[in-house]
Amino acid sequence: MAKLPSLTARKIVRALKRAGFVEDRQRGGHLILVHPETRARTVVPIHSGRTIKEPLLRAIIRDAGLTIEAFLGLV
């Protein structure tokens, strides 16, 4: 299993948008992104000054329907 870096929410959202996701809505500190073709949905917590650790990042990538290698290529 590949080791994932700790990334900020801004970098994760940017990578997901490159993969075709669009912002659906935001509720408090959580941004919901949806892919218009596959209808995949993922939630990214937006908390300034904090990084998203590996387990949560793996869950976001899994919910998005991406592989780890494909996601790291978008970062």
N, C-alpha and C. Protein backbone atom coordinates (compact mmCIF):
# COMPACT_ATOMS: atom_id res chain seq x y z
N MET A 1 0.83 -1.17 0.00
CA MET A 1 0.00 0.00 0.00
C MET A 1 0.88 1.24 0.00
N ALA A 2 0.53 2.18 -0.84
CA ALA A 2 1.31 3.41 -0.96
C ALA A 2 1.05 4.33 0.23
N LYS A 3 2.09 4.96 0.70
CA LYS A 3 1.95 5.92 1.79
C LYS A 3 1.48 7.24 1.19
N LEU A 4 0.45 7.79 1.77
CA LEU A 4 -0.12 9.04 1.28
C LEU A 4 0.40 10.21 2.11
N PRO A 5 0.62 11.34 1.48
CA PRO A 5 1.05 12.52 2.24
C PRO A 5 -0.13 13.17 2.96
N SER A 6 0.16 13.94 3.98
CA SER A 6 -0.87 14.75 4.62
C SER A 6 -1.06 15.99 3.76
N LEU A 7 -2.27 16.18 3.27
CA LEU A 7 -2.55 17.30 2.38
C LEU A 7 -3.55 18.24 3.01
N THR A 8 -3.54 19.49 2.54
CA THR A 8 -4.55 20.44 2.99
C THR A 8 -5.83 20.20 2.21
N ALA A 9 -6.92 20.67 2.74
CA ALA A 9 -8.22 20.51 2.07
C ALA A 9 -8.20 21.21 0.72
N ARG A 10 -7.54 22.33 0.62
CA ARG A 10 -7.48 23.09 -0.63
C ARG A 10 -6.84 22.26 -1.74
N LYS A 11 -5.76 21.55 -1.43
CA LYS A 11 -5.08 20.72 -2.43
C LYS A 11 -5.95 19.53 -2.84
N ILE A 12 -6.66 18.96 -1.88
CA ILE A 12 -7.53 17.82 -2.19
C ILE A 12 -8.67 18.26 -3.08
N VAL A 13 -9.30 19.38 -2.77
CA VAL A 13 -10.40 19.88 -3.59
C VAL A 13 -9.90 20.21 -5.00
N ARG A 14 -8.73 20.79 -5.11
CA ARG A 14 -8.17 21.12 -6.43
C ARG A 14 -7.95 19.84 -7.26
N ALA A 15 -7.43 18.78 -6.63
CA ALA A 15 -7.20 17.52 -7.33
C ALA A 15 -8.53 16.88 -7.76
N LEU A 16 -9.54 16.94 -6.89
CA LEU A 16 -10.83 16.35 -7.24
C LEU A 16 -11.50 17.12 -8.38
N LYS A 17 -11.33 18.44 -8.40
CA LYS A 17 -11.89 19.23 -9.50
C LYS A 17 -11.19 18.90 -10.81
N ARG A 18 -9.90 18.62 -10.76
CA ARG A 18 -9.19 18.19 -11.97
C ARG A 18 -9.72 16.85 -12.46
N ALA A 19 -10.22 16.02 -11.55
CA ALA A 19 -10.79 14.72 -11.91
C ALA A 19 -12.22 14.84 -12.42
N GLY A 20 -12.77 16.04 -12.41
CA GLY A 20 -14.11 16.26 -12.96
C GLY A 20 -15.19 16.52 -11.92
N PHE A 21 -14.85 16.56 -10.65
CA PHE A 21 -15.84 16.83 -9.61
C PHE A 21 -16.21 18.30 -9.59
N VAL A 22 -17.44 18.58 -9.19
CA VAL A 22 -17.91 19.96 -9.04
C VAL A 22 -18.48 20.12 -7.64
N GLU A 23 -18.46 21.34 -7.14
CA GLU A 23 -19.00 21.62 -5.82
C GLU A 23 -20.51 21.52 -5.87
N ASP A 24 -21.07 20.71 -4.99
CA ASP A 24 -22.52 20.57 -4.91
C ASP A 24 -23.08 21.54 -3.88
N ARG A 25 -22.56 21.45 -2.68
CA ARG A 25 -23.00 22.35 -1.62
C ARG A 25 -21.98 22.31 -0.49
N GLN A 26 -22.16 23.22 0.47
CA GLN A 26 -21.30 23.23 1.64
C GLN A 26 -22.18 23.43 2.86
N ARG A 27 -21.91 22.61 3.86
CA ARG A 27 -22.65 22.75 5.11
C ARG A 27 -21.62 22.92 6.21
N GLY A 28 -21.52 24.10 6.72
CA GLY A 28 -20.52 24.38 7.75
C GLY A 28 -19.12 24.22 7.20
N GLY A 29 -18.35 23.35 7.82
CA GLY A 29 -16.97 23.14 7.40
C GLY A 29 -16.79 21.94 6.50
N HIS A 30 -17.87 21.47 5.88
CA HIS A 30 -17.76 20.30 5.02
C HIS A 30 -18.26 20.63 3.62
N LEU A 31 -17.39 20.42 2.64
CA LEU A 31 -17.70 20.68 1.23
C LEU A 31 -18.06 19.36 0.57
N ILE A 32 -19.22 19.32 -0.08
CA ILE A 32 -19.68 18.12 -0.76
C ILE A 32 -19.42 18.30 -2.25
N LEU A 33 -18.66 17.36 -2.83
CA LEU A 33 -18.35 17.40 -4.26
C LEU A 33 -19.01 16.20 -4.94
N VAL A 34 -19.50 16.43 -6.16
CA VAL A 34 -20.19 15.39 -6.92
C VAL A 34 -19.60 15.34 -8.31
N HIS A 35 -19.46 14.12 -8.84
CA HIS A 35 -19.01 13.96 -10.23
C HIS A 35 -20.27 13.88 -11.09
N PRO A 36 -20.42 14.78 -12.08
CA PRO A 36 -21.67 14.82 -12.85
C PRO A 36 -21.95 13.56 -13.67
N GLU A 37 -20.94 12.85 -14.10
CA GLU A 37 -21.17 11.67 -14.94
C GLU A 37 -21.37 10.41 -14.12
N THR A 38 -20.50 10.17 -13.15
CA THR A 38 -20.57 8.93 -12.37
C THR A 38 -21.46 9.06 -11.14
N ARG A 39 -21.86 10.28 -10.79
CA ARG A 39 -22.67 10.57 -9.61
C ARG A 39 -21.96 10.17 -8.31
N ALA A 40 -20.64 10.02 -8.36
CA ALA A 40 -19.87 9.74 -7.15
C ALA A 40 -19.89 10.99 -6.28
N ARG A 41 -19.97 10.81 -4.99
CA ARG A 41 -20.05 11.93 -4.05
C ARG A 41 -19.02 11.73 -2.96
N THR A 42 -18.36 12.80 -2.61
CA THR A 42 -17.39 12.74 -1.53
C THR A 42 -17.46 14.03 -0.72
N VAL A 43 -17.08 13.94 0.53
CA VAL A 43 -17.14 15.08 1.44
C VAL A 43 -15.72 15.39 1.91
N VAL A 44 -15.34 16.67 1.81
CA VAL A 44 -14.02 17.10 2.24
C VAL A 44 -14.20 18.11 3.38
N PRO A 45 -13.63 17.84 4.56
CA PRO A 45 -13.72 18.82 5.65
C PRO A 45 -12.78 19.99 5.37
N ILE A 46 -13.32 21.19 5.48
CA ILE A 46 -12.56 22.41 5.22
C ILE A 46 -12.30 23.08 6.57
N HIS A 47 -11.11 22.86 7.11
CA HIS A 47 -10.72 23.49 8.37
C HIS A 47 -9.36 24.12 8.16
N SER A 48 -9.30 25.43 8.18
CA SER A 48 -8.05 26.12 7.87
C SER A 48 -6.98 25.79 8.90
N GLY A 49 -5.76 25.66 8.40
CA GLY A 49 -4.63 25.40 9.27
C GLY A 49 -4.46 23.95 9.65
N ARG A 50 -5.33 23.06 9.18
CA ARG A 50 -5.21 21.65 9.52
C ARG A 50 -5.05 20.82 8.25
N THR A 51 -4.27 19.77 8.36
CA THR A 51 -4.09 18.88 7.22
C THR A 51 -5.00 17.67 7.40
N ILE A 52 -5.29 17.02 6.29
CA ILE A 52 -6.11 15.83 6.32
C ILE A 52 -5.18 14.63 6.35
N LYS A 53 -5.33 13.81 7.36
CA LYS A 53 -4.42 12.69 7.57
C LYS A 53 -4.75 11.53 6.62
N GLU A 54 -3.87 10.54 6.62
CA GLU A 54 -3.94 9.44 5.67
C GLU A 54 -5.25 8.63 5.71
N PRO A 55 -5.78 8.22 6.86
CA PRO A 55 -7.00 7.41 6.82
C PRO A 55 -8.19 8.15 6.20
N LEU A 56 -8.36 9.41 6.53
CA LEU A 56 -9.46 10.18 5.95
C LEU A 56 -9.23 10.43 4.47
N LEU A 57 -7.99 10.67 4.08
CA LEU A 57 -7.67 10.87 2.67
C LEU A 57 -7.97 9.61 1.87
N ARG A 58 -7.66 8.44 2.41
CA ARG A 58 -8.00 7.17 1.74
C ARG A 58 -9.50 7.04 1.56
N ALA A 59 -10.28 7.44 2.57
CA ALA A 59 -11.74 7.35 2.47
C ALA A 59 -12.27 8.31 1.42
N ILE A 60 -11.71 9.50 1.32
CA ILE A 60 -12.14 10.47 0.31
C ILE A 60 -11.85 9.93 -1.08
N ILE A 61 -10.66 9.35 -1.27
CA ILE A 61 -10.28 8.79 -2.57
C ILE A 61 -11.20 7.62 -2.92
N ARG A 62 -11.50 6.77 -1.96
CA ARG A 62 -12.38 5.62 -2.19
C ARG A 62 -13.79 6.10 -2.56
N ASP A 63 -14.31 7.10 -1.84
CA ASP A 63 -15.65 7.62 -2.14
C ASP A 63 -15.70 8.25 -3.53
N ALA A 64 -14.58 8.83 -3.96
CA ALA A 64 -14.53 9.47 -5.27
C ALA A 64 -14.43 8.44 -6.39
N GLY A 65 -14.13 7.20 -6.05
CA GLY A 65 -14.02 6.17 -7.08
C GLY A 65 -12.71 6.23 -7.84
N LEU A 66 -11.68 6.79 -7.22
CA LEU A 66 -10.36 6.91 -7.84
C LEU A 66 -9.40 5.91 -7.22
N THR A 67 -8.33 5.62 -7.94
CA THR A 67 -7.25 4.86 -7.36
C THR A 67 -6.27 5.83 -6.70
N ILE A 68 -5.45 5.30 -5.81
CA ILE A 68 -4.49 6.17 -5.13
C ILE A 68 -3.50 6.74 -6.13
N GLU A 69 -3.07 5.92 -7.09
CA GLU A 69 -2.11 6.39 -8.10
C GLU A 69 -2.72 7.49 -8.96
N ALA A 70 -4.00 7.32 -9.35
CA ALA A 70 -4.66 8.33 -10.17
C ALA A 70 -4.81 9.64 -9.39
N PHE A 71 -5.15 9.53 -8.10
CA PHE A 71 -5.30 10.73 -7.28
C PHE A 71 -3.97 11.46 -7.12
N LEU A 72 -2.90 10.70 -6.85
CA LEU A 72 -1.59 11.33 -6.67
C LEU A 72 -1.12 11.98 -7.96
N GLY A 73 -1.55 11.47 -9.11
CA GLY A 73 -1.23 12.11 -10.38
C GLY A 73 -1.94 13.44 -10.56
N LEU A 74 -3.04 13.64 -9.87
CA LEU A 74 -3.79 14.89 -9.98
C LEU A 74 -3.32 15.95 -9.00
N VAL A 75 -2.62 15.52 -7.94
CA VAL A 75 -2.14 16.46 -6.92
C VAL A 75 -0.97 17.16 -7.51
